[in-house]
PDB file of N, CA and C in Angstrom:
ATOM      1  N   MET A   1     -19.880   5.665 -10.245  1.00  0.00           N
ATOM      2  CA  MET A   1     -19.675   4.490  -9.450  1.00  0.00           C
ATOM      3  C   MET A   1     -19.552   4.924  -8.000  1.00  0.00           C
ATOM      4  N   THR A   2     -20.392   4.374  -7.123  1.00  0.00           N
ATOM      5  CA  THR A   2     -20.308   4.644  -5.691  1.00  0.00           C
ATOM      6  C   THR A   2     -20.295   3.314  -4.951  1.00  0.00           C
ATOM      7  N   VAL A   3     -19.352   3.172  -4.029  1.00  0.00           N
ATOM      8  CA  VAL A   3     -19.214   1.937  -3.266  1.00  0.00           C
ATOM      9  C   VAL A   3     -19.186   2.259  -1.778  1.00  0.00           C
ATOM     10  N   PRO A   4     -20.175   1.761  -0.999  1.00  0.00           N
ATOM     11  CA  PRO A   4     -20.126   1.916   0.454  1.00  0.00           C
ATOM     12  C   PRO A   4     -19.489   0.678   1.079  1.00  0.00           C
ATOM     13  N   GLY A   5     -18.927   0.844   2.269  1.00  0.00           N
ATOM     14  CA  GLY A   5     -18.352  -0.306   2.951  1.00  0.00           C
ATOM     15  C   GLY A   5     -17.990   0.012   4.383  1.00  0.00           C
ATOM     16  N   SER A   6     -17.398  -0.962   5.026  1.00  0.00           N
ATOM     17  CA  SER A   6     -16.904  -0.766   6.384  1.00  0.00           C
ATOM     18  C   SER A   6     -15.670  -1.625   6.583  1.00  0.00           C
ATOM     19  N   ARG A   7     -14.796  -1.115   7.412  1.00  0.00           N
ATOM     20  CA  ARG A   7     -13.544  -1.782   7.752  1.00  0.00           C
ATOM     21  C   ARG A   7     -12.696  -2.025   6.503  1.00  0.00           C
ATOM     22  N   ASP A   8     -11.705  -2.913   6.590  1.00  0.00           N
ATOM     23  CA  ASP A   8     -10.801  -3.182   5.479  1.00  0.00           C
ATOM     24  C   ASP A   8     -11.536  -3.873   4.341  1.00  0.00           C
ATOM     25  N   ALA A   9     -11.234  -3.470   3.100  1.00  0.00           N
ATOM     26  CA  ALA A   9     -11.891  -4.081   1.939  1.00  0.00           C
ATOM     27  C   ALA A   9     -11.094  -3.797   0.674  1.00  0.00           C
ATOM     28  N   ALA A  10     -11.320  -4.629  -0.326  1.00  0.00           N
ATOM     29  CA  ALA A  10     -10.802  -4.401  -1.672  1.00  0.00           C
ATOM     30  C   ALA A  10     -11.979  -4.500  -2.623  1.00  0.00           C
ATOM     31  N   VAL A  11     -12.130  -3.508  -3.496  1.00  0.00           N
ATOM     32  CA  VAL A  11     -13.243  -3.486  -4.450  1.00  0.00           C
ATOM     33  C   VAL A  11     -12.730  -3.074  -5.819  1.00  0.00           C
ATOM     34  N   SER A  12     -13.398  -3.566  -6.858  1.00  0.00           N
ATOM     35  CA  SER A  12     -13.034  -3.167  -8.220  1.00  0.00           C
ATOM     36  C   SER A  12     -14.086  -2.207  -8.763  1.00  0.00           C
ATOM     37  N   PHE A  13     -13.674  -1.385  -9.729  1.00  0.00           N
ATOM     38  CA  PHE A  13     -14.614  -0.495 -10.404  1.00  0.00           C
ATOM     39  C   PHE A  13     -14.157  -0.272 -11.829  1.00  0.00           C
ATOM     40  N   GLN A  14     -15.105   0.056 -12.683  1.00  0.00           N
ATOM     41  CA  GLN A  14     -14.858   0.245 -14.109  1.00  0.00           C
ATOM     42  C   GLN A  14     -15.005   1.725 -14.447  1.00  0.00           C
ATOM     43  N   LEU A  15     -14.032   2.281 -15.178  1.00  0.00           N
ATOM     44  CA  LEU A  15     -14.123   3.661 -15.658  1.00  0.00           C
ATOM     45  C   LEU A  15     -14.346   3.656 -17.156  1.00  0.00           C
ATOM     46  N   THR A  16     -15.210   4.552 -17.617  1.00  0.00           N
ATOM     47  CA  THR A  16     -15.487   4.642 -19.042  1.00  0.00           C
ATOM     48  C   THR A  16     -14.953   5.922 -19.666  1.00  0.00           C
ATOM     49  N   SER A  17     -14.463   6.859 -18.823  1.00  0.00           N
ATOM     50  CA  SER A  17     -13.860   8.087 -19.353  1.00  0.00           C
ATOM     51  C   SER A  17     -12.398   8.125 -18.944  1.00  0.00           C
ATOM     52  N   SER A  18     -11.622   9.020 -19.558  1.00  0.00           N
ATOM     53  CA  SER A  18     -10.175   9.011 -19.341  1.00  0.00           C
ATOM     54  C   SER A  18      -9.689   9.921 -18.223  1.00  0.00           C
ATOM     55  N   SER A  19     -10.560  10.564 -17.500  1.00  0.00           N
ATOM     56  CA  SER A  19     -10.142  11.400 -16.384  1.00  0.00           C
ATOM     57  C   SER A  19     -11.182  11.281 -15.288  1.00  0.00           C
ATOM     58  N   SER A  20     -10.751  11.041 -14.074  1.00  0.00           N
ATOM     59  CA  SER A  20     -11.711  10.809 -13.001  1.00  0.00           C
ATOM     60  C   SER A  20     -11.308  11.493 -11.716  1.00  0.00           C
ATOM     61  N   LEU A  21     -12.313  11.755 -10.908  1.00  0.00           N
ATOM     62  CA  LEU A  21     -12.123  12.290  -9.571  1.00  0.00           C
ATOM     63  C   LEU A  21     -12.614  11.227  -8.600  1.00  0.00           C
ATOM     64  N   VAL A  22     -11.748  10.823  -7.680  1.00  0.00           N
ATOM     65  CA  VAL A  22     -12.110   9.835  -6.682  1.00  0.00           C
ATOM     66  C   VAL A  22     -12.371  10.572  -5.382  1.00  0.00           C
ATOM     67  N   ASN A  23     -13.599  10.478  -4.871  1.00  0.00           N
ATOM     68  CA  ASN A  23     -13.989  11.115  -3.617  1.00  0.00           C
ATOM     69  C   ASN A  23     -14.226  10.048  -2.569  1.00  0.00           C
ATOM     70  N   ALA A  24     -13.847  10.348  -1.346  1.00  0.00           N
ATOM     71  CA  ALA A  24     -14.070   9.402  -0.251  1.00  0.00           C
ATOM     72  C   ALA A  24     -14.709  10.112   0.926  1.00  0.00           C
ATOM     73  N   SER A  25     -15.618   9.428   1.575  1.00  0.00           N
ATOM     74  CA  SER A  25     -16.186   9.886   2.831  1.00  0.00           C
ATOM     75  C   SER A  25     -15.812   8.822   3.855  1.00  0.00           C
ATOM     76  N   ILE A  26     -14.972   9.185   4.807  1.00  0.00           N
ATOM     77  CA  ILE A  26     -14.430   8.232   5.779  1.00  0.00           C
ATOM     78  C   ILE A  26     -14.875   8.641   7.176  1.00  0.00           C
ATOM     79  N   ASN A  27     -15.368   7.684   7.945  1.00  0.00           N
ATOM     80  CA  ASN A  27     -15.719   7.920   9.336  1.00  0.00           C
ATOM     81  C   ASN A  27     -14.923   6.921  10.168  1.00  0.00           C
ATOM     82  N   SER A  28     -13.772   7.356  10.673  1.00  0.00           N
ATOM     83  CA  SER A  28     -12.847   6.464  11.350  1.00  0.00           C
ATOM     84  C   SER A  28     -12.247   7.139  12.572  1.00  0.00           C
ATOM     85  N   SER A  29     -12.037   6.392  13.615  1.00  0.00           N
ATOM     86  CA  SER A  29     -11.407   6.946  14.815  1.00  0.00           C
ATOM     87  C   SER A  29      -9.898   6.783  14.783  1.00  0.00           C
ATOM     88  N   ARG A  30      -9.380   6.106  13.773  1.00  0.00           N
ATOM     89  CA  ARG A  30      -7.940   5.842  13.663  1.00  0.00           C
ATOM     90  C   ARG A  30      -7.452   6.230  12.263  1.00  0.00           C
ATOM     91  N   PRO A  31      -6.152   6.356  12.089  1.00  0.00           N
ATOM     92  CA  PRO A  31      -5.632   6.647  10.742  1.00  0.00           C
ATOM     93  C   PRO A  31      -6.087   5.580   9.737  1.00  0.00           C
ATOM     94  N   TYR A  32      -6.213   5.987   8.488  1.00  0.00           N
ATOM     95  CA  TYR A  32      -6.635   5.063   7.441  1.00  0.00           C
ATOM     96  C   TYR A  32      -5.829   5.332   6.181  1.00  0.00           C
ATOM     97  N   ILE A  33      -5.953   4.428   5.215  1.00  0.00           N
ATOM     98  CA  ILE A  33      -5.350   4.636   3.903  1.00  0.00           C
ATOM     99  C   ILE A  33      -6.249   4.023   2.837  1.00  0.00           C
ATOM    100  N   VAL A  34      -6.339   4.703   1.699  1.00  0.00           N
ATOM    101  CA  VAL A  34      -7.059   4.204   0.528  1.00  0.00           C
ATOM    102  C   VAL A  34      -6.084   4.254  -0.644  1.00  0.00           C
ATOM    103  N   TRP A  35      -5.856   3.124  -1.283  1.00  0.00           N
ATOM    104  CA  TRP A  35      -4.995   3.049  -2.463  1.00  0.00           C
ATOM    105  C   TRP A  35      -5.852   2.781  -3.698  1.00  0.00           C
ATOM    106  N   VAL A  36      -5.456   3.359  -4.839  1.00  0.00           N
ATOM    107  CA  VAL A  36      -6.078   3.078  -6.128  1.00  0.00           C
ATOM    108  C   VAL A  36      -5.033   2.361  -6.982  1.00  0.00           C
ATOM    109  N   TYR A  37      -5.403   1.178  -7.487  1.00  0.00           N
ATOM    110  CA  TYR A  37      -4.509   0.379  -8.326  1.00  0.00           C
ATOM    111  C   TYR A  37      -5.132   0.183  -9.697  1.00  0.00           C
ATOM    112  N   ASP A  38      -4.269   0.077 -10.731  1.00  0.00           N
ATOM    113  CA  ASP A  38      -4.787  -0.239 -12.058  1.00  0.00           C
ATOM    114  C   ASP A  38      -4.854  -1.755 -12.231  1.00  0.00           C
ATOM    115  N   SER A  39      -5.287  -2.217 -13.397  1.00  0.00           N
ATOM    116  CA  SER A  39      -5.480  -3.654 -13.618  1.00  0.00           C
ATOM    117  C   SER A  39      -4.170  -4.433 -13.652  1.00  0.00           C
ATOM    118  N   ASP A  40      -3.030  -3.736 -13.768  1.00  0.00           N
ATOM    119  CA  ASP A  40      -1.722  -4.388 -13.721  1.00  0.00           C
ATOM    120  C   ASP A  40      -1.137  -4.410 -12.312  1.00  0.00           C
ATOM    121  N   GLY A  41      -1.889  -3.894 -11.339  1.00  0.00           N
ATOM    122  CA  GLY A  41      -1.409  -3.874  -9.958  1.00  0.00           C
ATOM    123  C   GLY A  41      -0.522  -2.686  -9.624  1.00  0.00           C
ATOM    124  N   MET A  42      -0.432  -1.712 -10.530  1.00  0.00           N
ATOM    125  CA  MET A  42       0.375  -0.520 -10.283  1.00  0.00           C
ATOM    126  C   MET A  42      -0.424   0.485  -9.463  1.00  0.00           C
ATOM    127  N   ALA A  43       0.176   1.003  -8.387  1.00  0.00           N
ATOM    128  CA  ALA A  43      -0.489   2.030  -7.572  1.00  0.00           C
ATOM    129  C   ALA A  43      -0.608   3.307  -8.391  1.00  0.00           C
ATOM    130  N   ARG A  44      -1.810   3.892  -8.418  1.00  0.00           N
ATOM    131  CA  ARG A  44      -2.063   5.114  -9.184  1.00  0.00           C
ATOM    132  C   ARG A  44      -2.304   6.318  -8.308  1.00  0.00           C
ATOM    133  N   GLY A  45      -2.504   6.110  -6.993  1.00  0.00           N
ATOM    134  CA  GLY A  45      -2.719   7.218  -6.077  1.00  0.00           C
ATOM    135  C   GLY A  45      -3.201   6.724  -4.738  1.00  0.00           C
ATOM    136  N   SER A  46      -3.149   7.622  -3.739  1.00  0.00           N
ATOM    137  CA  SER A  46      -3.623   7.226  -2.411  1.00  0.00           C
ATOM    138  C   SER A  46      -4.126   8.429  -1.633  1.00  0.00           C
ATOM    139  N   MET A  47      -4.940   8.147  -0.631  1.00  0.00           N
ATOM    140  CA  MET A  47      -5.411   9.122   0.356  1.00  0.00           C
ATOM    141  C   MET A  47      -5.132   8.473   1.707  1.00  0.00           C
ATOM    142  N   SER A  48      -4.546   9.212   2.644  1.00  0.00           N
ATOM    143  CA  SER A  48      -4.178   8.508   3.864  1.00  0.00           C
ATOM    144  C   SER A  48      -4.038   9.377   5.096  1.00  0.00           C
ATOM    145  N   ASN A  49      -3.981   8.671   6.233  1.00  0.00           N
ATOM    146  CA  ASN A  49      -3.560   9.183   7.524  1.00  0.00           C
ATOM    147  C   ASN A  49      -4.395  10.286   8.141  1.00  0.00           C
ATOM    148  N   MET A  50      -5.654  10.366   7.795  1.00  0.00           N
ATOM    149  CA  MET A  50      -6.540  11.298   8.469  1.00  0.00           C
ATOM    150  C   MET A  50      -7.405  10.505   9.439  1.00  0.00           C
ATOM    151  N   THR A  51      -7.907  11.170  10.463  1.00  0.00           N
ATOM    152  CA  THR A  51      -8.775  10.493  11.411  1.00  0.00           C
ATOM    153  C   THR A  51     -10.105  11.206  11.500  1.00  0.00           C
ATOM    154  N   ALA A  52     -11.052  10.550  12.138  1.00  0.00           N
ATOM    155  CA  ALA A  52     -12.404  11.066  12.323  1.00  0.00           C
ATOM    156  C   ALA A  52     -13.105  11.156  10.968  1.00  0.00           C
ATOM    157  N   GLN A  53     -14.172  11.894  10.901  1.00  0.00           N
ATOM    158  CA  GLN A  53     -14.927  12.009   9.662  1.00  0.00           C
ATOM    159  C   GLN A  53     -14.215  12.987   8.742  1.00  0.00           C
ATOM    160  N   TRP A  54     -13.985  12.580   7.518  1.00  0.00           N
ATOM    161  CA  TRP A  54     -13.238  13.403   6.581  1.00  0.00           C
ATOM    162  C   TRP A  54     -13.671  13.059   5.175  1.00  0.00           C
ATOM    163  N   ASN A  55     -13.642  14.016   4.269  1.00  0.00           N
ATOM    164  CA  ASN A  55     -14.073  13.804   2.892  1.00  0.00           C
ATOM    165  C   ASN A  55     -12.972  14.217   1.913  1.00  0.00           C
ATOM    166  N   PRO A  56     -11.944  13.382   1.757  1.00  0.00           N
ATOM    167  CA  PRO A  56     -10.866  13.727   0.839  1.00  0.00           C
ATOM    168  C   PRO A  56     -11.275  13.517  -0.617  1.00  0.00           C
ATOM    169  N   ALA A  57     -10.587  14.172  -1.510  1.00  0.00           N
ATOM    170  CA  ALA A  57     -10.780  13.965  -2.944  1.00  0.00           C
ATOM    171  C   ALA A  57      -9.416  13.789  -3.586  1.00  0.00           C
ATOM    172  N   LEU A  58      -9.338  12.906  -4.553  1.00  0.00           N
ATOM    173  CA  LEU A  58      -8.096  12.623  -5.254  1.00  0.00           C
ATOM    174  C   LEU A  58      -8.400  12.713  -6.739  1.00  0.00           C
ATOM    175  N   SER A  59      -7.778  13.669  -7.415  1.00  0.00           N
ATOM    176  CA  SER A  59      -7.975  13.821  -8.848  1.00  0.00           C
ATOM    177  C   SER A  59      -6.925  12.992  -9.570  1.00  0.00           C
ATOM    178  N   LEU A  60      -7.374  12.034 -10.353  1.00  0.00           N
ATOM    179  CA  LEU A  60      -6.464  11.141 -11.066  1.00  0.00           C
ATOM    180  C   LEU A  60      -6.741  11.193 -12.559  1.00  0.00           C
ATOM    181  N   ARG A  61      -5.703  11.156 -13.342  1.00  0.00           N
ATOM    182  CA  ARG A  61      -5.874  11.034 -14.789  1.00  0.00           C
ATOM    183  C   ARG A  61      -5.730   9.552 -15.101  1.00  0.00           C
ATOM    184  N   LEU A  62      -6.860   8.905 -15.312  1.00  0.00           N
ATOM    185  CA  LEU A  62      -6.896   7.468 -15.543  1.00  0.00           C
ATOM    186  C   LEU A  62      -7.507   7.173 -16.902  1.00  0.00           C
ATOM    187  N   GLU A  63      -6.962   6.181 -17.572  1.00  0.00           N
ATOM    188  CA  GLU A  63      -7.539   5.713 -18.827  1.00  0.00           C
ATOM    189  C   GLU A  63      -8.756   4.851 -18.512  1.00  0.00           C
ATOM    190  N   PRO A  64      -9.692   4.708 -19.454  1.00  0.00           N
ATOM    191  CA  PRO A  64     -10.815   3.800 -19.226  1.00  0.00           C
ATOM    192  C   PRO A  64     -10.297   2.392 -18.931  1.00  0.00           C
ATOM    193  N   GLY A  65     -10.968   1.700 -18.027  1.00  0.00           N
ATOM    194  CA  GLY A  65     -10.564   0.339 -17.691  1.00  0.00           C
ATOM    195  C   GLY A  65     -10.997  -0.049 -16.292  1.00  0.00           C
ATOM    196  N   THR A  66     -10.449  -1.155 -15.829  1.00  0.00           N
ATOM    197  CA  THR A  66     -10.759  -1.681 -14.512  1.00  0.00           C
ATOM    198  C   THR A  66      -9.715  -1.215 -13.510  1.00  0.00           C
ATOM    199  N   TYR A  67     -10.187  -0.762 -12.356  1.00  0.00           N
ATOM    200  CA  TYR A  67      -9.310  -0.309 -11.271  1.00  0.00           C
ATOM    201  C   TYR A  67      -9.761  -0.943  -9.960  1.00  0.00           C
ATOM    202  N   TYR A  68      -8.887  -0.895  -8.977  1.00  0.00           N
ATOM    203  CA  TYR A  68      -9.161  -1.506  -7.680  1.00  0.00           C
ATOM    204  C   TYR A  68      -8.877  -0.510  -6.565  1.00  0.00           C
ATOM    205  N   LEU A  69      -9.707  -0.542  -5.549  1.00  0.00           N
ATOM    206  CA  LEU A  69      -9.497   0.252  -4.343  1.00  0.00           C
ATOM    207  C   LEU A  69      -9.149  -0.697  -3.213  1.00  0.00           C
ATOM    208  N   ALA A  70      -8.108  -0.372  -2.476  1.00  0.00           N
ATOM    209  CA  ALA A  70      -7.761  -1.097  -1.260  1.00  0.00           C
ATOM    210  C   ALA A  70      -7.986  -0.120  -0.111  1.00  0.00           C
ATOM    211  N   VAL A  71      -8.933  -0.416   0.752  1.00  0.00           N
ATOM    212  CA  VAL A  71      -9.320   0.465   1.858  1.00  0.00           C
ATOM    213  C   VAL A  71      -8.916  -0.199   3.165  1.00  0.00           C
ATOM    214  N   PHE A  72      -8.166   0.531   3.983  1.00  0.00           N
ATOM    215  CA  PHE A  72      -7.738   0.031   5.286  1.00  0.00           C
ATOM    216  C   PHE A  72      -8.199   1.017   6.350  1.00  0.00           C
ATOM    217  N   THR A  73      -9.227   0.644   7.127  1.00  0.00           N
ATOM    218  CA  THR A  73      -9.775   1.528   8.140  1.00  0.00           C
ATOM    219  C   THR A  73     -10.535   0.713   9.173  1.00  0.00           C
ATOM    220  N   ASP A  74     -10.821   1.321  10.315  1.00  0.00           N
ATOM    221  CA  ASP A  74     -11.646   0.650  11.317  1.00  0.00           C
ATOM    222  C   ASP A  74     -13.087   1.141  11.263  1.00  0.00           C
ATOM    223  N   GLY A  75     -13.391   2.058  10.361  1.00  0.00           N
ATOM    224  CA  GLY A  75     -14.714   2.677  10.328  1.00  0.00           C
ATOM    225  C   GLY A  75     -15.498   2.374   9.070  1.00  0.00           C
ATOM    226  N   THR A  76     -16.507   3.208   8.831  1.00  0.00           N
ATOM    227  CA  THR A  76     -17.335   3.080   7.637  1.00  0.00           C
ATOM    228  C   THR A  76     -16.841   4.049   6.569  1.00  0.00           C
ATOM    229  N   TRP A  77     -17.167   3.769   5.316  1.00  0.00           N
ATOM    230  CA  TRP A  77     -16.701   4.614   4.227  1.00  0.00           C
ATOM    231  C   TRP A  77     -17.624   4.500   3.016  1.00  0.00           C
ATOM    232  N   THR A  78     -17.563   5.528   2.178  1.00  0.00           N
ATOM    233  CA  THR A  78     -18.191   5.533   0.862  1.00  0.00           C
ATOM    234  C   THR A  78     -17.199   6.161  -0.093  1.00  0.00           C
ATOM    235  N   ILE A  79     -16.974   5.510  -1.223  1.00  0.00           N
ATOM    236  CA  ILE A  79     -16.033   6.022  -2.212  1.00  0.00           C
ATOM    237  C   ILE A  79     -16.758   6.126  -3.545  1.00  0.00           C
ATOM    238  N   ALA A  80     -16.571   7.248  -4.250  1.00  0.00           N
ATOM    239  CA  ALA A  80     -17.212   7.469  -5.542  1.00  0.00           C
ATOM    240  C   ALA A  80     -16.158   7.902  -6.560  1.00  0.00           C
ATOM    241  N   ALA A  81     -16.250   7.371  -7.759  1.00  0.00           N
ATOM    242  CA  ALA A  81     -15.394   7.790  -8.864  1.00  0.00           C
ATOM    243  C   ALA A  81     -16.306   8.409  -9.922  1.00  0.00           C
ATOM    244  N   THR A  82     -15.982   9.623 -10.340  1.00  0.00           N
ATOM    245  CA  THR A  82     -16.791  10.322 -11.331  1.00  0.00           C
ATOM    246  C   THR A  82     -15.912  10.894 -12.423  1.00  0.00           C
ATOM    247  N   ALA A  83     -16.453  11.038 -13.604  1.00  0.00           N
ATOM    248  CA  ALA A  83     -15.727  11.656 -14.714  1.00  0.00           C
ATOM    249  C   ALA A  83     -15.610  13.151 -14.469  1.00  0.00           C
ATOM    250  N   THR A  84     -14.496  13.729 -14.872  1.00  0.00           N
ATOM    251  CA  THR A  84     -14.297  15.165 -14.737  1.00  0.00           C
ATOM    252  C   THR A  84     -14.231  15.814 -16.098  1.00  0.00           C
TER     253      THR A  84
END
């Protein structure tokens, strides 16, 4: 699953395996934050407070299901979730 976007956004994604790596490519001139939430609204992890172009990765142990990303930034971004 790969999702491109710009500025603040909320997107959903579906996982089919029980362990995933969430990668982000952020191009922002200001601090940003990316939160991962499960279908019950519980925060499962975050990446935050870096500026300029940066490619963070967040390894999460997630069960198959629906998840949501909340992205807060002034720039462009691409986020990908892959099975590990």
